[in-house]
């Protein structure tokens, strides 16, 4: 059995509904900046966000790679939120 760190990305799921406006605005701006610099969309659908978790649980290539950090259905070296 192995442990993994899985980052689903920013999901359009209303999970921030209990944050105050200034905190939420800061998170949204950081997500937009990060997405622009990586050339991708700021938000993923719930299904796209879940894809990395499913990939991690089922990918045969990860059987001997415990402790890996995964994002966007791949092992990632980017540990920044």
PDB file of N, CA and C in Angstrom:
ATOM      1  N   UNK A   1       0.849  -1.177   0.000  1.00  0.00           N
ATOM      2  CA  UNK A   1       0.000   0.000   0.000  1.00  0.00           C
ATOM      3  C   UNK A   1       0.898   1.244   0.000  1.00  0.00           C
ATOM      4  N   UNK A   2       0.492   2.259  -0.765  1.00  0.00           N
ATOM      5  CA  UNK A   2       1.255   3.488  -0.881  1.00  0.00           C
ATOM      6  C   UNK A   2       0.380   4.692  -0.568  1.00  0.00           C
ATOM      7  N   UNK A   3       1.019   5.775  -0.207  1.00  0.00           N
ATOM      8  CA  UNK A   3       0.328   7.049   0.004  1.00  0.00           C
ATOM      9  C   UNK A   3       0.739   8.017  -1.087  1.00  0.00           C
ATOM     10  N   UNK A   4      -0.191   8.859  -1.501  1.00  0.00           N
ATOM     11  CA  UNK A   4       0.048   9.849  -2.550  1.00  0.00           C
ATOM     12  C   UNK A   4      -0.542  11.189  -2.134  1.00  0.00           C
ATOM     13  N   UNK A   5       0.009  12.250  -2.661  1.00  0.00           N
ATOM     14  CA  UNK A   5      -0.580  13.582  -2.527  1.00  0.00           C
ATOM     15  C   UNK A   5      -1.242  13.885  -3.868  1.00  0.00           C
ATOM     16  N   UNK A   6      -2.537  14.196  -3.836  1.00  0.00           N
ATOM     17  CA  UNK A   6      -3.295  14.405  -5.067  1.00  0.00           C
ATOM     18  C   UNK A   6      -3.911  15.794  -5.039  1.00  0.00           C
ATOM     19  N   UNK A   7      -3.597  16.591  -6.057  1.00  0.00           N
ATOM     20  CA  UNK A   7      -4.172  17.934  -6.177  1.00  0.00           C
ATOM     21  C   UNK A   7      -5.210  17.913  -7.292  1.00  0.00           C
ATOM     22  N   UNK A   8      -6.478  18.083  -6.961  1.00  0.00           N
ATOM     23  CA  UNK A   8      -7.510  18.025  -7.994  1.00  0.00           C
ATOM     24  C   UNK A   8      -7.590  19.281  -8.848  1.00  0.00           C
ATOM     25  N   UNK A   9      -6.996  20.386  -8.404  1.00  0.00           N
ATOM     26  CA  UNK A   9      -7.134  21.651  -9.108  1.00  0.00           C
ATOM     27  C   UNK A   9      -8.267  22.466  -8.501  1.00  0.00           C
ATOM     28  N   UNK A  10      -8.543  23.593  -9.097  1.00  0.00           N
ATOM     29  CA  UNK A  10      -9.652  24.447  -8.646  1.00  0.00           C
ATOM     30  C   UNK A  10     -10.936  23.919  -9.297  1.00  0.00           C
ATOM     31  N   UNK A  11     -11.868  23.511  -8.460  1.00  0.00           N
ATOM     32  CA  UNK A  11     -13.089  22.887  -8.934  1.00  0.00           C
ATOM     33  C   UNK A  11     -14.255  23.874  -8.817  1.00  0.00           C
ATOM     34  N   UNK A  12     -15.064  23.950  -9.846  1.00  0.00           N
ATOM     35  CA  UNK A  12     -16.258  24.794  -9.827  1.00  0.00           C
ATOM     36  C   UNK A  12     -17.360  24.040  -9.080  1.00  0.00           C
ATOM     37  N   UNK A  13     -17.259  24.013  -7.734  1.00  0.00           N
ATOM     38  CA  UNK A  13     -18.189  23.209  -6.939  1.00  0.00           C
ATOM     39  C   UNK A  13     -18.782  23.972  -5.758  1.00  0.00           C
ATOM     40  N   UNK A  14     -18.564  25.259  -5.653  1.00  0.00           N
ATOM     41  CA  UNK A  14     -19.134  26.090  -4.591  1.00  0.00           C
ATOM     42  C   UNK A  14     -18.641  25.708  -3.192  1.00  0.00           C
ATOM     43  N   UNK A  15     -17.447  25.140  -3.093  1.00  0.00           N
ATOM     44  CA  UNK A  15     -16.915  24.754  -1.788  1.00  0.00           C
ATOM     45  C   UNK A  15     -16.503  25.960  -0.950  1.00  0.00           C
ATOM     46  N   UNK A  16     -16.287  27.097  -1.581  1.00  0.00           N
ATOM     47  CA  UNK A  16     -15.896  28.294  -0.849  1.00  0.00           C
ATOM     48  C   UNK A  16     -17.061  29.145  -0.388  1.00  0.00           C
ATOM     49  N   UNK A  17     -18.255  28.612  -0.413  1.00  0.00           N
ATOM     50  CA  UNK A  17     -19.453  29.403  -0.103  1.00  0.00           C
ATOM     51  C   UNK A  17     -19.466  29.972   1.306  1.00  0.00           C
ATOM     52  N   UNK A  18     -18.679  29.427   2.236  1.00  0.00           N
ATOM     53  CA  UNK A  18     -18.663  29.922   3.607  1.00  0.00           C
ATOM     54  C   UNK A  18     -17.471  30.840   3.900  1.00  0.00           C
ATOM     55  N   UNK A  19     -16.641  31.100   2.891  1.00  0.00           N
ATOM     56  CA  UNK A  19     -15.518  32.029   3.066  1.00  0.00           C
ATOM     57  C   UNK A  19     -16.022  33.460   2.975  1.00  0.00           C
ATOM     58  N   UNK A  20     -15.306  34.369   3.628  1.00  0.00           N
ATOM     59  CA  UNK A  20     -15.703  35.763   3.447  1.00  0.00           C
ATOM     60  C   UNK A  20     -15.206  36.249   2.089  1.00  0.00           C
ATOM     61  N   UNK A  21     -15.766  37.330   1.608  1.00  0.00           N
ATOM     62  CA  UNK A  21     -15.522  37.811   0.248  1.00  0.00           C
ATOM     63  C   UNK A  21     -14.043  38.090  -0.033  1.00  0.00           C
ATOM     64  N   UNK A  22     -13.321  38.698   0.922  1.00  0.00           N
ATOM     65  CA  UNK A  22     -11.915  39.022   0.663  1.00  0.00           C
ATOM     66  C   UNK A  22     -11.069  37.755   0.533  1.00  0.00           C
ATOM     67  N   UNK A  23     -11.333  36.745   1.359  1.00  0.00           N
ATOM     68  CA  UNK A  23     -10.598  35.485   1.227  1.00  0.00           C
ATOM     69  C   UNK A  23     -10.906  34.812  -0.099  1.00  0.00           C
ATOM     70  N   UNK A  24     -12.167  34.776  -0.467  1.00  0.00           N
ATOM     71  CA  UNK A  24     -12.575  34.155  -1.720  1.00  0.00           C
ATOM     72  C   UNK A  24     -11.981  34.886  -2.920  1.00  0.00           C
ATOM     73  N   UNK A  25     -11.979  36.218  -2.899  1.00  0.00           N
ATOM     74  CA  UNK A  25     -11.388  36.987  -3.998  1.00  0.00           C
ATOM     75  C   UNK A  25      -9.902  36.679  -4.142  1.00  0.00           C
ATOM     76  N   UNK A  26      -9.189  36.545  -3.033  1.00  0.00           N
ATOM     77  CA  UNK A  26      -7.764  36.219  -3.076  1.00  0.00           C
ATOM     78  C   UNK A  26      -7.505  34.847  -3.678  1.00  0.00           C
ATOM     79  N   UNK A  27      -8.306  33.873  -3.299  1.00  0.00           N
ATOM     80  CA  UNK A  27      -8.162  32.518  -3.845  1.00  0.00           C
ATOM     81  C   UNK A  27      -8.450  32.518  -5.339  1.00  0.00           C
ATOM     82  N   UNK A  28      -9.494  33.204  -5.740  1.00  0.00           N
ATOM     83  CA  UNK A  28      -9.860  33.263  -7.158  1.00  0.00           C
ATOM     84  C   UNK A  28      -8.755  33.920  -7.973  1.00  0.00           C
ATOM     85  N   UNK A  29      -8.198  35.008  -7.477  1.00  0.00           N
ATOM     86  CA  UNK A  29      -7.136  35.699  -8.218  1.00  0.00           C
ATOM     87  C   UNK A  29      -5.889  34.826  -8.338  1.00  0.00           C
ATOM     88  N   UNK A  30      -5.497  34.141  -7.259  1.00  0.00           N
ATOM     89  CA  UNK A  30      -4.335  33.241  -7.332  1.00  0.00           C
ATOM     90  C   UNK A  30      -4.582  32.117  -8.331  1.00  0.00           C
ATOM     91  N   UNK A  31      -5.786  31.584  -8.364  1.00  0.00           N
ATOM     92  CA  UNK A  31      -6.116  30.514  -9.313  1.00  0.00           C
ATOM     93  C   UNK A  31      -6.030  31.019 -10.753  1.00  0.00           C
ATOM     94  N   UNK A  32      -6.537  32.212 -10.990  1.00  0.00           N
ATOM     95  CA  UNK A  32      -6.481  32.774 -12.347  1.00  0.00           C
ATOM     96  C   UNK A  32      -5.048  33.030 -12.795  1.00  0.00           C
ATOM     97  N   UNK A  33      -4.231  33.606 -11.899  1.00  0.00           N
ATOM     98  CA  UNK A  33      -2.820  33.854 -12.242  1.00  0.00           C
ATOM     99  C   UNK A  33      -2.094  32.550 -12.532  1.00  0.00           C
ATOM    100  N   UNK A  34      -2.292  31.560 -11.701  1.00  0.00           N
ATOM    101  CA  UNK A  34      -1.649  30.266 -11.875  1.00  0.00           C
ATOM    102  C   UNK A  34      -2.081  29.609 -13.178  1.00  0.00           C
ATOM    103  N   UNK A  35      -3.364  29.660 -13.477  1.00  0.00           N
ATOM    104  CA  UNK A  35      -3.877  29.064 -14.706  1.00  0.00           C
ATOM    105  C   UNK A  35      -3.321  29.767 -15.938  1.00  0.00           C
ATOM    106  N   UNK A  36      -3.282  31.099 -15.900  1.00  0.00           N
ATOM    107  CA  UNK A  36      -2.739  31.854 -17.040  1.00  0.00           C
ATOM    108  C   UNK A  36      -1.281  31.492 -17.280  1.00  0.00           C
ATOM    109  N   UNK A  37      -0.500  31.408 -16.207  1.00  0.00           N
ATOM    110  CA  UNK A  37       0.929  31.121 -16.381  1.00  0.00           C
ATOM    111  C   UNK A  37       1.149  29.702 -16.881  1.00  0.00           C
ATOM    112  N   UNK A  38       0.225  28.792 -16.602  1.00  0.00           N
ATOM    113  CA  UNK A  38       0.351  27.406 -17.062  1.00  0.00           C
ATOM    114  C   UNK A  38      -0.396  27.159 -18.376  1.00  0.00           C
ATOM    115  N   UNK A  39      -1.104  28.183 -18.884  1.00  0.00           N
ATOM    116  CA  UNK A  39      -1.835  28.048 -20.139  1.00  0.00           C
ATOM    117  C   UNK A  39      -3.039  27.125 -20.047  1.00  0.00           C
ATOM    118  N   UNK A  40      -3.728  27.145 -18.899  1.00  0.00           N
ATOM    119  CA  UNK A  40      -4.914  26.303 -18.756  1.00  0.00           C
ATOM    120  C   UNK A  40      -6.062  27.109 -18.161  1.00  0.00           C
ATOM    121  N   UNK A  41      -7.231  26.502 -18.097  1.00  0.00           N
ATOM    122  CA  UNK A  41      -8.407  27.157 -17.529  1.00  0.00           C
ATOM    123  C   UNK A  41      -8.278  27.238 -16.015  1.00  0.00           C
ATOM    124  N   UNK A  42      -8.877  28.258 -15.405  1.00  0.00           N
ATOM    125  CA  UNK A  42      -8.790  28.448 -13.962  1.00  0.00           C
ATOM    126  C   UNK A  42      -9.574  27.382 -13.199  1.00  0.00           C
ATOM    127  N   UNK A  43     -10.722  26.973 -13.719  1.00  0.00           N
ATOM    128  CA  UNK A  43     -11.581  26.030 -12.999  1.00  0.00           C
ATOM    129  C   UNK A  43     -11.819  24.772 -13.809  1.00  0.00           C
ATOM    130  N   UNK A  44     -11.938  23.664 -13.101  1.00  0.00           N
ATOM    131  CA  UNK A  44     -12.280  22.387 -13.715  1.00  0.00           C
ATOM    132  C   UNK A  44     -13.699  22.012 -13.293  1.00  0.00           C
ATOM    133  N   UNK A  45     -14.310  21.144 -14.090  1.00  0.00           N
ATOM    134  CA  UNK A  45     -15.597  20.573 -13.687  1.00  0.00           C
ATOM    135  C   UNK A  45     -15.342  19.600 -12.534  1.00  0.00           C
ATOM    136  N   UNK A  46     -16.385  19.201 -11.851  1.00  0.00           N
ATOM    137  CA  UNK A  46     -16.243  18.236 -10.763  1.00  0.00           C
ATOM    138  C   UNK A  46     -15.635  16.937 -11.300  1.00  0.00           C
ATOM    139  N   UNK A  47     -16.084  16.479 -12.448  1.00  0.00           N
ATOM    140  CA  UNK A  47     -15.544  15.251 -13.044  1.00  0.00           C
ATOM    141  C   UNK A  47     -14.068  15.368 -13.390  1.00  0.00           C
ATOM    142  N   UNK A  48     -13.675  16.498 -13.971  1.00  0.00           N
ATOM    143  CA  UNK A  48     -12.261  16.695 -14.308  1.00  0.00           C
ATOM    144  C   UNK A  48     -11.410  16.775 -13.045  1.00  0.00           C
ATOM    145  N   UNK A  49     -11.953  17.367 -12.001  1.00  0.00           N
ATOM    146  CA  UNK A  49     -11.220  17.431 -10.739  1.00  0.00           C
ATOM    147  C   UNK A  49     -11.049  16.061 -10.101  1.00  0.00           C
ATOM    148  N   UNK A  50     -12.038  15.200 -10.252  1.00  0.00           N
ATOM    149  CA  UNK A  50     -11.974  13.847  -9.688  1.00  0.00           C
ATOM    150  C   UNK A  50     -11.061  12.934 -10.494  1.00  0.00           C
ATOM    151  N   UNK A  51     -10.775  13.280 -11.733  1.00  0.00           N
ATOM    152  CA  UNK A  51     -10.004  12.404 -12.616  1.00  0.00           C
ATOM    153  C   UNK A  51      -8.632  12.048 -12.045  1.00  0.00           C
ATOM    154  N   UNK A  52      -7.929  12.989 -11.429  1.00  0.00           N
ATOM    155  CA  UNK A  52      -6.602  12.694 -10.895  1.00  0.00           C
ATOM    156  C   UNK A  52      -6.682  11.707  -9.735  1.00  0.00           C
ATOM    157  N   UNK A  53      -7.707  11.819  -8.915  1.00  0.00           N
ATOM    158  CA  UNK A  53      -7.882  10.865  -7.819  1.00  0.00           C
ATOM    159  C   UNK A  53      -8.130   9.466  -8.376  1.00  0.00           C
ATOM    160  N   UNK A  54      -8.996   9.336  -9.364  1.00  0.00           N
ATOM    161  CA  UNK A  54      -9.247   8.037  -9.977  1.00  0.00           C
ATOM    162  C   UNK A  54      -8.003   7.504 -10.670  1.00  0.00           C
ATOM    163  N   UNK A  55      -7.293   8.368 -11.361  1.00  0.00           N
ATOM    164  CA  UNK A  55      -6.054   7.960 -12.024  1.00  0.00           C
ATOM    165  C   UNK A  55      -5.068   7.405 -10.996  1.00  0.00           C
ATOM    166  N   UNK A  56      -4.904   8.110  -9.887  1.00  0.00           N
ATOM    167  CA  UNK A  56      -3.972   7.689  -8.851  1.00  0.00           C
ATOM    168  C   UNK A  56      -4.349   6.326  -8.288  1.00  0.00           C
ATOM    169  N   UNK A  57      -5.627   6.072  -8.126  1.00  0.00           N
ATOM    170  CA  UNK A  57      -6.092   4.808  -7.557  1.00  0.00           C
ATOM    171  C   UNK A  57      -5.983   3.633  -8.525  1.00  0.00           C
ATOM    172  N   UNK A  58      -5.918   3.917  -9.824  1.00  0.00           N
ATOM    173  CA  UNK A  58      -5.992   2.826 -10.792  1.00  0.00           C
ATOM    174  C   UNK A  58      -4.804   2.690 -11.739  1.00  0.00           C
ATOM    175  N   UNK A  59      -3.920   3.648 -11.814  1.00  0.00           N
ATOM    176  CA  UNK A  59      -2.827   3.609 -12.792  1.00  0.00           C
ATOM    177  C   UNK A  59      -1.801   2.535 -12.433  1.00  0.00           C
ATOM    178  N   UNK A  60      -1.577   1.575 -13.314  1.00  0.00           N
ATOM    179  CA  UNK A  60      -0.622   0.513 -13.003  1.00  0.00           C
ATOM    180  C   UNK A  60       0.814   1.027 -12.866  1.00  0.00           C
ATOM    181  N   UNK A  61       1.153   2.114 -13.500  1.00  0.00           N
ATOM    182  CA  UNK A  61       2.509   2.659 -13.424  1.00  0.00           C
ATOM    183  C   UNK A  61       2.863   3.256 -12.072  1.00  0.00           C
ATOM    184  N   UNK A  62       1.886   3.413 -11.193  1.00  0.00           N
ATOM    185  CA  UNK A  62       2.148   4.004  -9.880  1.00  0.00           C
ATOM    186  C   UNK A  62       2.365   2.959  -8.790  1.00  0.00           C
ATOM    187  N   UNK A  63       2.259   1.695  -9.135  1.00  0.00           N
ATOM    188  CA  UNK A  63       2.347   0.626  -8.137  1.00  0.00           C
ATOM    189  C   UNK A  63       3.603   0.711  -7.274  1.00  0.00           C
ATOM    190  N   UNK A  64       4.692   1.146  -7.843  1.00  0.00           N
ATOM    191  CA  UNK A  64       5.961   1.233  -7.102  1.00  0.00           C
ATOM    192  C   UNK A  64       6.406   2.672  -6.866  1.00  0.00           C
ATOM    193  N   UNK A  65       5.497   3.622  -6.939  1.00  0.00           N
ATOM    194  CA  UNK A  65       5.846   5.039  -6.825  1.00  0.00           C
ATOM    195  C   UNK A  65       5.186   5.698  -5.625  1.00  0.00           C
ATOM    196  N   UNK A  66       5.175   5.093  -4.471  1.00  0.00           N
ATOM    197  CA  UNK A  66       4.568   5.689  -3.290  1.00  0.00           C
ATOM    198  C   UNK A  66       5.178   7.042  -2.961  1.00  0.00           C
ATOM    199  N   UNK A  67       4.376   7.917  -2.402  1.00  0.00           N
ATOM    200  CA  UNK A  67       4.840   9.235  -2.003  1.00  0.00           C
ATOM    201  C   UNK A  67       4.841  10.268  -3.107  1.00  0.00           C
ATOM    202  N   UNK A  68       4.345   9.922  -4.275  1.00  0.00           N
ATOM    203  CA  UNK A  68       4.344  10.854  -5.406  1.00  0.00           C
ATOM    204  C   UNK A  68       3.277  11.929  -5.233  1.00  0.00           C
ATOM    205  N   UNK A  69       3.529  13.087  -5.830  1.00  0.00           N
ATOM    206  CA  UNK A  69       2.572  14.198  -5.893  1.00  0.00           C
ATOM    207  C   UNK A  69       1.980  14.177  -7.293  1.00  0.00           C
ATOM    208  N   UNK A  70       0.662  14.128  -7.386  1.00  0.00           N
ATOM    209  CA  UNK A  70       0.009  14.049  -8.687  1.00  0.00           C
ATOM    210  C   UNK A  70      -0.948  15.208  -8.907  1.00  0.00           C
ATOM    211  N   UNK A  71      -0.956  15.700 -10.132  1.00  0.00           N
ATOM    212  CA  UNK A  71      -1.878  16.756 -10.565  1.00  0.00           C
ATOM    213  C   UNK A  71      -2.146  16.538 -12.050  1.00  0.00           C
ATOM    214  N   UNK A  72      -3.337  16.817 -12.485  1.00  0.00           N
ATOM    215  CA  UNK A  72      -3.712  16.670 -13.894  1.00  0.00           C
ATOM    216  C   UNK A  72      -3.380  15.280 -14.435  1.00  0.00           C
ATOM    217  N   UNK A  73      -3.684  14.259 -13.651  1.00  0.00           N
ATOM    218  CA  UNK A  73      -3.516  12.848 -14.041  1.00  0.00           C
ATOM    219  C   UNK A  73      -2.077  12.482 -14.390  1.00  0.00           C
ATOM    220  N   UNK A  74      -1.125  13.047 -13.666  1.00  0.00           N
ATOM    221  CA  UNK A  74       0.283  12.741 -13.894  1.00  0.00           C
ATOM    222  C   UNK A  74       1.089  13.058 -12.637  1.00  0.00           C
ATOM    223  N   UNK A  75       2.241  12.419 -12.520  1.00  0.00           N
ATOM    224  CA  UNK A  75       3.166  12.781 -11.449  1.00  0.00           C
ATOM    225  C   UNK A  75       3.692  14.166 -11.749  1.00  0.00           C
ATOM    226  N   UNK A  76       3.721  15.011 -10.730  1.00  0.00           N
ATOM    227  CA  UNK A  76       4.100  16.408 -10.915  1.00  0.00           C
ATOM    228  C   UNK A  76       5.243  16.785  -9.978  1.00  0.00           C
ATOM    229  N   UNK A  77       6.117  17.645 -10.441  1.00  0.00           N
ATOM    230  CA  UNK A  77       7.175  18.198  -9.595  1.00  0.00           C
ATOM    231  C   UNK A  77       6.752  19.515  -8.972  1.00  0.00           C
ATOM    232  N   UNK A  78       5.618  20.053  -9.411  1.00  0.00           N
ATOM    233  CA  UNK A  78       5.119  21.339  -8.916  1.00  0.00           C
ATOM    234  C   UNK A  78       4.348  21.130  -7.635  1.00  0.00           C
ATOM    235  N   UNK A  79       4.936  21.489  -6.501  1.00  0.00           N
ATOM    236  CA  UNK A  79       4.284  21.304  -5.207  1.00  0.00           C
ATOM    237  C   UNK A  79       3.622  22.579  -4.716  1.00  0.00           C
ATOM    238  N   UNK A  80       3.570  23.589  -5.534  1.00  0.00           N
ATOM    239  CA  UNK A  80       2.977  24.869  -5.111  1.00  0.00           C
ATOM    240  C   UNK A  80       1.473  24.812  -5.266  1.00  0.00           C
ATOM    241  N   UNK A  81       0.723  25.351  -4.329  1.00  0.00           N
ATOM    242  CA  UNK A  81      -0.736  25.376  -4.450  1.00  0.00           C
ATOM    243  C   UNK A  81      -1.198  26.321  -5.549  1.00  0.00           C
TER     244      UNK A  81
END
